[in-house]
C-alpha atoms as a PDB file:
ATOM      1  CA  MET A   1     116.933 111.705 101.017  1.00  0.00           C
ATOM      2  CA  ARG A   2     113.400 111.905 100.465  1.00  0.00           C
ATOM      3  CA  ASP A   3     112.388 110.571 103.868  1.00  0.00           C
ATOM      4  CA  ALA A   4     114.640 113.339 105.844  1.00  0.00           C
ATOM      5  CA  LEU A   5     112.890 116.009 103.557  1.00  0.00           C
ATOM      6  CA  VAL A   6     109.724 114.516 104.638  1.00  0.00           C
ATOM      7  CA  GLU A   7     110.891 114.797 108.403  1.00  0.00           C
ATOM      8  CA  LEU A   8     112.013 118.038 108.158  1.00  0.00           C
ATOM      9  CA  ILE A   9     108.414 119.364 106.691  1.00  0.00           C
ATOM     10  CA  GLU A  10     106.514 117.363 109.086  1.00  0.00           C
ATOM     11  CA  GLU A  11     108.596 118.675 112.104  1.00  0.00           C
ATOM     12  CA  GLY A  12     108.478 122.495 110.641  1.00  0.00           C
ATOM     13  CA  LYS A  13     112.218 122.988 109.823  1.00  0.00           C
ATOM     14  CA  LEU A  14     111.178 123.526 106.709  1.00  0.00           C
ATOM     15  CA  ALA A  15     108.220 125.871 106.489  1.00  0.00           C
ATOM     16  CA  GLU A  16     105.451 126.163 104.208  1.00  0.00           C
ATOM     17  CA  GLY A  17     106.193 128.105 101.306  1.00  0.00           C
ATOM     18  CA  SER A  18     109.913 128.192 101.745  1.00  0.00           C
ATOM     19  CA  ARG A  19     111.874 128.057  98.538  1.00  0.00           C
ATOM     20  CA  LEU A  20     114.497 124.786  98.447  1.00  0.00           C
ATOM     21  CA  PRO A  21     117.765 125.014  97.035  1.00  0.00           C
ATOM     22  CA  THR A  22     118.328 124.130  93.023  1.00  0.00           C
ATOM     23  CA  GLU A  23     118.748 120.780  92.457  1.00  0.00           C
ATOM     24  CA  GLN A  24     122.753 121.355  91.284  1.00  0.00           C
ATOM     25  CA  GLU A  25     123.154 123.204  94.905  1.00  0.00           C
ATOM     26  CA  LEU A  26     121.602 120.168  96.595  1.00  0.00           C
ATOM     27  CA  ALA A  27     123.614 118.015  94.802  1.00  0.00           C
ATOM     28  CA  ALA A  28     126.887 119.553  95.350  1.00  0.00           C
ATOM     29  CA  ALA A  29     126.367 119.856  99.309  1.00  0.00           C
ATOM     30  CA  LEU A  30     125.011 116.507  99.807  1.00  0.00           C
ATOM     31  CA  PRO A  31     126.772 113.090  99.234  1.00  0.00           C
ATOM     32  CA  VAL A  32     124.216 112.316  96.564  1.00  0.00           C
ATOM     33  CA  SER A  33     124.345 112.442  92.892  1.00  0.00           C
ATOM     34  CA  LEU A  34     122.430 114.861  91.183  1.00  0.00           C
ATOM     35  CA  GLY A  35     120.336 111.827  89.698  1.00  0.00           C
ATOM     36  CA  THR A  36     119.388 110.881  92.950  1.00  0.00           C
ATOM     37  CA  VAL A  37     118.296 114.551  94.137  1.00  0.00           C
ATOM     38  CA  GLN A  38     116.082 114.831  90.930  1.00  0.00           C
ATOM     39  CA  LYS A  39     114.023 111.653  91.935  1.00  0.00           C
ATOM     40  CA  ALA A  40     113.664 112.437  95.396  1.00  0.00           C
ATOM     41  CA  LEU A  41     112.095 115.606  94.543  1.00  0.00           C
ATOM     42  CA  ARG A  42     110.154 114.314  91.833  1.00  0.00           C
ATOM     43  CA  ASP A  43     108.496 111.832  93.902  1.00  0.00           C
ATOM     44  CA  LEU A  44     107.819 114.301  96.946  1.00  0.00           C
ATOM     45  CA  VAL A  45     105.957 116.603  94.234  1.00  0.00           C
ATOM     46  CA  GLU A  46     103.884 113.804  92.797  1.00  0.00           C
ATOM     47  CA  SER A  47     103.259 112.703  97.042  1.00  0.00           C
ATOM     48  CA  GLY A  48     102.183 116.766  97.746  1.00  0.00           C
ATOM     49  CA  GLU A  49     104.840 117.658  99.677  1.00  0.00           C
ATOM     50  CA  LEU A  50     106.624 119.780  97.317  1.00  0.00           C
ATOM     51  CA  TYR A  51     105.476 122.228  94.333  1.00  0.00           C
ATOM     52  CA  ARG A  52     107.429 123.754  91.486  1.00  0.00           C
ATOM     53  CA  ARG A  53     106.635 126.958  89.973  1.00  0.00           C
ATOM     54  CA  ARG A  54     108.077 127.526  86.323  1.00  0.00           C
ATOM     55  CA  ARG A  55     111.392 129.201  86.323  1.00  0.00           C
ATOM     56  CA  LEU A  56     110.870 130.219  90.521  1.00  0.00           C
ATOM     57  CA  GLY A  57     111.979 126.949  91.693  1.00  0.00           C
ATOM     58  CA  THR A  58     110.696 124.067  94.277  1.00  0.00           C
ATOM     59  CA  PHE A  59     108.727 124.965  96.808  1.00  0.00           C
ATOM     60  CA  VAL A  60     107.447 123.492 100.311  1.00  0.00           C
ATOM     61  CA  ALA A  61     103.603 122.953  99.958  1.00  0.00           C
ATOM     62  CA  GLY A  62     101.112 124.229 102.503  1.00  0.00           C
ATOM     63  CA  GLY A  63      97.297 124.225 103.396  1.00  0.00           C
ATOM     64  CA  GLU A  64      95.671 123.284 100.925  1.00  0.00           C
ATOM     65  CA  GLN A  65      98.038 121.735  98.497  1.00  0.00           C
ATOM     66  CA  ARG A  66      99.145 119.142 100.551  1.00  0.00           C
ATOM     67  CA  ARG A  67      97.201 116.241 100.247  1.00  0.00           C
ATOM     68  CA  ARG A  68      97.419 114.433 103.842  1.00  0.00           C
ATOM     69  CA  ILE A  69      95.476 111.026 103.474  1.00  0.00           C
ATOM     70  CA  THR A  70      94.799 109.134 106.653  1.00  0.00           C
ATOM     71  CA  THR A  71      94.112 105.011 106.729  1.00  0.00           C
ATOM     72  CA  PRO A  72      92.396 104.316 109.771  1.00  0.00           C
ATOM     73  CA  ALA A  73      92.416 100.509 108.931  1.00  0.00           C
ATOM     74  CA  PHE A  74      95.903 100.152 108.099  1.00  0.00           C
ATOM     75  CA  THR A  75      98.983 102.294 108.231  1.00  0.00           C
ATOM     76  CA  PHE A  76     102.236 101.575 105.966  1.00  0.00           C
ATOM     77  CA  LEU A  77     105.602 101.728 107.904  1.00  0.00           C
ATOM     78  CA  ARG A  78     108.795 103.228 106.848  1.00  0.00           C
ATOM     79  CA  PRO A  79     111.688 100.870 106.986  1.00  0.00           C
ATOM     80  CA  GLU A  80     113.017 102.255 110.094  1.00  0.00           C
ATOM     81  CA  GLY A  81     109.386 102.164 111.597  1.00  0.00           C
ATOM     82  CA  ALA A  82     107.797 105.355 111.486  1.00  0.00           C
ATOM     83  CA  PRO A  83     104.177 105.878 109.919  1.00  0.00           C
ATOM     84  CA  VAL A  84     103.887 107.213 107.038  1.00  0.00           C
ATOM     85  CA  ARG A  85     101.887 110.336 106.809  1.00  0.00           C
ATOM     86  CA  MET A  86     101.412 110.764 102.794  1.00  0.00           C
ATOM     87  CA  VAL A  87      99.538 108.975 100.889  1.00  0.00           C
ATOM     88  CA  LEU A  88      98.390 110.403  96.994  1.00  0.00           C
ATOM     89  CA  ILE A  89      95.548 109.002  95.678  1.00  0.00           C
ATOM     90  CA  ARG A  90      94.746 109.078  92.075  1.00  0.00           C
ATOM     91  CA  LEU A  91      91.313 108.099  90.458  1.00  0.00           C
ATOM     92  CA  LEU A  92      91.748 105.480  87.936  1.00  0.00           C
ATOM     93  CA  ARG A  93      88.286 104.405  86.945  1.00  0.00           C
ATOM     94  CA  ARG A  94      84.628 104.826  88.343  1.00  0.00           C
ATOM     95  CA  GLU A  95      81.752 102.827  87.259  1.00  0.00           C
ATOM     96  CA  VAL A  96      78.636 101.651  88.175  1.00  0.00           C
ATOM     97  CA  LEU A  97      78.151  97.727  88.495  1.00  0.00           C
ATOM     98  CA  GLN A  98      74.896  96.329  87.575  1.00  0.00           C
ATOM     99  CA  ARG A  99      76.388  92.510  87.086  1.00  0.00           C
ATOM    100  CA  HIS A 100      76.924  89.708  89.103  1.00  0.00           C
ATOM    101  CA  GLY A 101      80.496  89.267  90.720  1.00  0.00           C
ATOM    102  CA  ALA A 102      82.792  88.610  93.856  1.00  0.00           C
ATOM    103  CA  TRP A 103      81.457  92.272  95.085  1.00  0.00           C
ATOM    104  CA  VAL A 104      77.715  90.622  95.853  1.00  0.00           C
ATOM    105  CA  GLU A 105      79.045  87.767  97.633  1.00  0.00           C
ATOM    106  CA  VAL A 106      80.712  90.257  99.883  1.00  0.00           C
ATOM    107  CA  LEU A 107      78.644  93.327  99.890  1.00  0.00           C
ATOM    108  CA  GLY A 108      74.937  91.469  99.499  1.00  0.00           C
ATOM    109  CA  ASP A 109      72.224  91.580  96.951  1.00  0.00           C
ATOM    110  CA  CYS A 110      71.644  95.353  95.963  1.00  0.00           C
ATOM    111  CA  ALA A 111      69.205  96.415  93.391  1.00  0.00           C
ATOM    112  CA  GLY A 112      70.656  99.893  93.011  1.00  0.00           C
ATOM    113  CA  GLY A 113      73.758  98.149  91.541  1.00  0.00           C
ATOM    114  CA  TYR A 114      77.194  98.835  92.989  1.00  0.00           C
ATOM    115  CA  LEU A 115      79.821 101.425  92.603  1.00  0.00           C
ATOM    116  CA  HIS A 116      83.524 100.261  91.848  1.00  0.00           C
ATOM    117  CA  LEU A 117      86.583 102.874  92.212  1.00  0.00           C
ATOM    118  CA  VAL A 118      89.648 101.981  90.892  1.00  0.00           C
ATOM    119  CA  ARG A 119      92.707 103.912  92.541  1.00  0.00           C
ATOM    120  CA  GLN A 120      96.255 104.438  91.841  1.00  0.00           C
ATOM    121  CA  ASP A 121      97.798 104.975  95.802  1.00  0.00           C
ATOM    122  CA  ARG A 122     101.424 106.514  95.909  1.00  0.00           C
ATOM    123  CA  ILE A 123     102.357 105.884  99.267  1.00  0.00           C
ATOM    124  CA  ASP A 124     105.149 108.062 100.941  1.00  0.00           C
ATOM    125  CA  GLY A 125     106.518 108.954  97.545  1.00  0.00           C
ATOM    126  CA  ALA A 126     108.178 105.321  97.372  1.00  0.00           C
ATOM    127  CA  PHE A 127     106.020 103.069  95.598  1.00  0.00           C
ATOM    128  CA  ASP A 128     102.576 102.607  94.092  1.00  0.00           C
ATOM    129  CA  CYS A 129      99.395 100.251  95.055  1.00  0.00           C
ATOM    130  CA  TYR A 130      96.651  99.119  92.967  1.00  0.00           C
ATOM    131  CA  THR A 131      93.479  99.525  95.239  1.00  0.00           C
ATOM    132  CA  GLU A 132      89.669  98.424  93.809  1.00  0.00           C
ATOM    133  CA  ILE A 133      86.715  99.563  96.016  1.00  0.00           C
ATOM    134  CA  TYR A 134      83.411  98.190  95.853  1.00  0.00           C
ATOM    135  CA  LEU A 135      80.034  99.736  97.224  1.00  0.00           C
ATOM    136  CA  ARG A 136      76.522  98.919  97.553  1.00  0.00           C
ATOM    137  CA  GLY A 137      74.555 101.488  95.676  1.00  0.00           C
ATOM    138  CA  ASP A 138      71.975 102.271  98.850  1.00  0.00           C
ATOM    139  CA  VAL A 139      75.767 102.912 100.557  1.00  0.00           C
ATOM    140  CA  ALA A 140      77.595 104.748  97.962  1.00  0.00           C
ATOM    141  CA  GLY A 141      74.942 107.827  97.865  1.00  0.00           C
ATOM    142  CA  GLU A 142      76.676 110.955  96.238  1.00  0.00           C
ATOM    143  CA  LEU A 143      80.159 109.242  95.551  1.00  0.00           C
ATOM    144  CA  ALA A 144      79.202 108.242  92.304  1.00  0.00           C
ATOM    145  CA  THR A 145      78.815 111.700  90.933  1.00  0.00           C
ATOM    146  CA  LEU A 146      81.264 113.760  93.315  1.00  0.00           C
ATOM    147  CA  PRO A 147      84.034 115.328  91.260  1.00  0.00           C
ATOM    148  CA  THR A 148      87.034 113.069  90.752  1.00  0.00           C
ATOM    149  CA  GLU A 149      89.064 115.345  92.791  1.00  0.00           C
ATOM    150  CA  ALA A 150      86.797 114.913  96.082  1.00  0.00           C
ATOM    151  CA  LEU A 151      87.390 110.957  95.667  1.00  0.00           C
ATOM    152  CA  GLU A 152      90.851 111.658  95.411  1.00  0.00           C
ATOM    153  CA  HIS A 153      91.277 113.517  99.006  1.00  0.00           C
ATOM    154  CA  GLU A 154      89.982 111.142 101.357  1.00  0.00           C
ATOM    155  CA  SER A 155      90.062 107.059 102.100  1.00  0.00           C
ATOM    156  CA  VAL A 156      87.416 104.901 102.391  1.00  0.00           C
ATOM    157  CA  LEU A 157      86.295 105.372 106.023  1.00  0.00           C
ATOM    158  CA  PRO A 158      85.781 109.552 105.844  1.00  0.00           C
ATOM    159  CA  LEU A 159      84.007 109.022 102.113  1.00  0.00           C
ATOM    160  CA  LEU A 160      81.524 106.559 104.166  1.00  0.00           C
ATOM    161  CA  MET A 161      81.035 108.907 106.956  1.00  0.00           C
ATOM    162  CA  ALA A 162      80.132 111.531 104.626  1.00  0.00           C
ATOM    163  CA  GLN A 163      77.223 109.501 103.689  1.00  0.00           C
ATOM    164  CA  GLY A 164      75.688 109.085 106.879  1.00  0.00           C
ATOM    165  CA  HIS A 165      77.599 105.358 107.652  1.00  0.00           C
ATOM    166  CA  SER A 166      79.846 104.892 110.537  1.00  0.00           C
ATOM    167  CA  PRO A 167      81.657 101.351 109.933  1.00  0.00           C
ATOM    168  CA  SER A 168      83.094 100.054 113.211  1.00  0.00           C
ATOM    169  CA  THR A 169      84.996  97.353 112.746  1.00  0.00           C
ATOM    170  CA  ALA A 170      87.835  96.778 109.919  1.00  0.00           C
ATOM    171  CA  GLU A 171      88.263  93.124 108.908  1.00  0.00           C
ATOM    172  CA  ASN A 172      91.764  92.806 107.262  1.00  0.00           C
ATOM    173  CA  ARG A 173      92.681  89.711 105.186  1.00  0.00           C
ATOM    174  CA  ILE A 174      95.760  89.568 104.088  1.00  0.00           C
ATOM    175  CA  SER A 175      97.670  87.208 101.718  1.00  0.00           C
ATOM    176  CA  HIS A 176     100.929  86.666  99.430  1.00  0.00           C
ATOM    177  CA  ILE A 177     100.166  86.270  95.355  1.00  0.00           C
ATOM    178  CA  ARG A 178     101.992  87.195  92.309  1.00  0.00           C
ATOM    179  CA  LEU A 179     100.812  90.453  91.111  1.00  0.00           C
ATOM    180  CA  PRO A 180      98.083  90.134  88.312  1.00  0.00           C
ATOM    181  CA  LYS A 181      99.492  91.352  85.232  1.00  0.00           C
ATOM    182  CA  SER A 182      96.823  94.055  84.781  1.00  0.00           C
ATOM    183  CA  VAL A 183      97.894  95.537  88.310  1.00  0.00           C
ATOM    184  CA  ALA A 184     101.468  95.167  87.227  1.00  0.00           C
ATOM    185  CA  ARG A 185     100.924  97.185  84.075  1.00  0.00           C
ATOM    186  CA  ALA A 186      99.028  99.423  85.985  1.00  0.00           C
ATOM    187  CA  ILE A 187     101.531 100.803  88.859  1.00  0.00           C
ATOM    188  CA  ALA A 188     104.807  99.401  87.063  1.00  0.00           C
ATOM    189  CA  PRO A 189     104.761  99.099  83.537  1.00  0.00           C
ATOM    190  CA  GLU A 190     108.013  97.668  83.294  1.00  0.00           C
ATOM    191  CA  LEU A 191     107.432  94.712  85.513  1.00  0.00           C
ATOM    192  CA  ALA A 192     103.925  93.739  83.667  1.00  0.00           C
ATOM    193  CA  GLU A 193     105.446  90.692  81.572  1.00  0.00           C
ATOM    194  CA  ALA A 194     107.118  89.049  84.514  1.00  0.00           C
ATOM    195  CA  PRO A 195     104.829  90.479  87.993  1.00  0.00           C
ATOM    196  CA  PRO A 196     106.567  90.149  91.053  1.00  0.00           C
ATOM    197  CA  PRO A 197     105.318  88.545  94.040  1.00  0.00           C
ATOM    198  CA  GLY A 198     103.287  90.977  96.239  1.00  0.00           C
ATOM    199  CA  LEU A 199     100.778  91.367  98.805  1.00  0.00           C
ATOM    200  CA  ARG A 200      96.481  91.517  98.278  1.00  0.00           C
ATOM    201  CA  LEU A 201      95.138  93.548 101.347  1.00  0.00           C
ATOM    202  CA  GLU A 202      91.581  93.073 101.611  1.00  0.00           C
ATOM    203  CA  THR A 203      89.213  95.017 104.349  1.00  0.00           C
ATOM    204  CA  ARG A 204      86.108  94.884 104.815  1.00  0.00           C
ATOM    205  CA  TYR A 205      84.048  97.771 106.512  1.00  0.00           C
ATOM    206  CA  GLN A 206      81.545  96.713 108.776  1.00  0.00           C
ATOM    207  CA  ASP A 207      78.761  98.384 110.744  1.00  0.00           C
ATOM    208  CA  GLU A 208      78.041  97.037 114.232  1.00  0.00           C
ATOM    209  CA  THR A 209      75.432  94.465 113.119  1.00  0.00           C
ATOM    210  CA  GLY A 210      78.107  92.882 111.061  1.00  0.00           C
ATOM    211  CA  ARG A 211      76.741  94.444 107.388  1.00  0.00           C
ATOM    212  CA  VAL A 212      79.628  95.080 105.387  1.00  0.00           C
ATOM    213  CA  LEU A 213      79.346  98.612 104.019  1.00  0.00           C
ATOM    214  CA  ALA A 214      82.629  98.651 101.950  1.00  0.00           C
ATOM    215  CA  TRP A 215      84.948  96.156 100.458  1.00  0.00           C
ATOM    216  CA  GLN A 216      88.592  97.434  99.711  1.00  0.00           C
ATOM    217  CA  VAL A 217      91.382  95.057  97.669  1.00  0.00           C
ATOM    218  CA  MET A 218      94.715  96.646  97.542  1.00  0.00           C
ATOM    219  CA  TYR A 219      97.823  95.158  95.783  1.00  0.00           C
ATOM    220  CA  ILE A 220     100.805  96.111  97.241  1.00  0.00           C
ATOM    221  CA  PRO A 221     104.245  95.665  95.455  1.00  0.00           C
ATOM    222  CA  PRO A 222     107.435  94.115  97.107  1.00  0.00           C
ATOM    223  CA  SER A 223     109.298  97.258  99.126  1.00  0.00           C
ATOM    224  CA  ASP A 224     111.054  97.588 102.435  1.00  0.00           C
ATOM    225  CA  TYR A 225     108.199  99.013 104.132  1.00  0.00           C
ATOM    226  CA  ARG A 226     105.806  97.037 106.563  1.00  0.00           C
ATOM    227  CA  LEU A 227     101.918  96.748 107.438  1.00  0.00           C
ATOM    228  CA  THR A 228     100.187  97.234 110.845  1.00  0.00           C
ATOM    229  CA  LEU A 229      96.605  96.726 110.987  1.00  0.00           C
ATOM    230  CA  THR A 230      93.527  97.807 112.962  1.00  0.00           C
ATOM    231  CA  THR A 231      90.638  95.943 113.700  1.00  0.00           C
ATOM    232  CA  GLN A 232      87.882  98.455 115.981  1.00  0.00           C
ATOM    233  CA  LEU A 233      88.094 102.047 114.522  1.00  0.00           C
ATOM    234  CA  LYS A 234      87.594 104.851 116.300  1.00  0.00           C
ATOM    235  CA  PRO A 235      85.510 107.819 115.879  1.00  0.00           C
ATOM    236  CA  LEU A 236      87.107 110.287 113.347  1.00  0.00           C
ATOM    237  CA  ASP A 237      87.333 114.248 114.856  1.00  0.00           C
ATOM    238  CA  THR A 238      84.187 116.101 113.126  1.00  0.00           C
END
């Protein structure tokens, strides 16, 4: 039901600002339970496709309310093969690192330290990923002080380009792991005691000289979604 509603919105058959029938009306008209309707609508509110107004109902979001996030280095695919177009980003932590860590080996020495971003990425309203991003201090620029909302509205590539950097290559490395307990605790607390297997997707955004501008590590829980990866990055439209 969630996917069907998203398709109707993307195709314009559910216009921006239009009011949906009540949860009870949808459950009565469709071969699904009220609980299924409630969960589908709740997921779409969280992913930004819908919004609610107290005592007035649920509406199709539009304009500034919809958050359409692009991930140029990789794309999630729905079970039927359609690309995911909606990712809702929530910034969990932002900090400047001065200590030594794996990020130094990837990004190289930097006297100004490193910016560390920790995000919860909700994919298509279906599941959450845990994402860590590391940038050199001399590359991050004003990302260390931007309002939280600005960092929740874009993926890594547009953020880098806004700082005057243009990655040309994304080196993706993917491995099958058991999710760390700290990751499971953040995105699926009910699984924290016995975390399931998942994927670790590491992306290194590089410029034309091969210098790594940003290092992103995404932990992906099990699902029936798939991934397609991209190496060469095309310039974004301005």
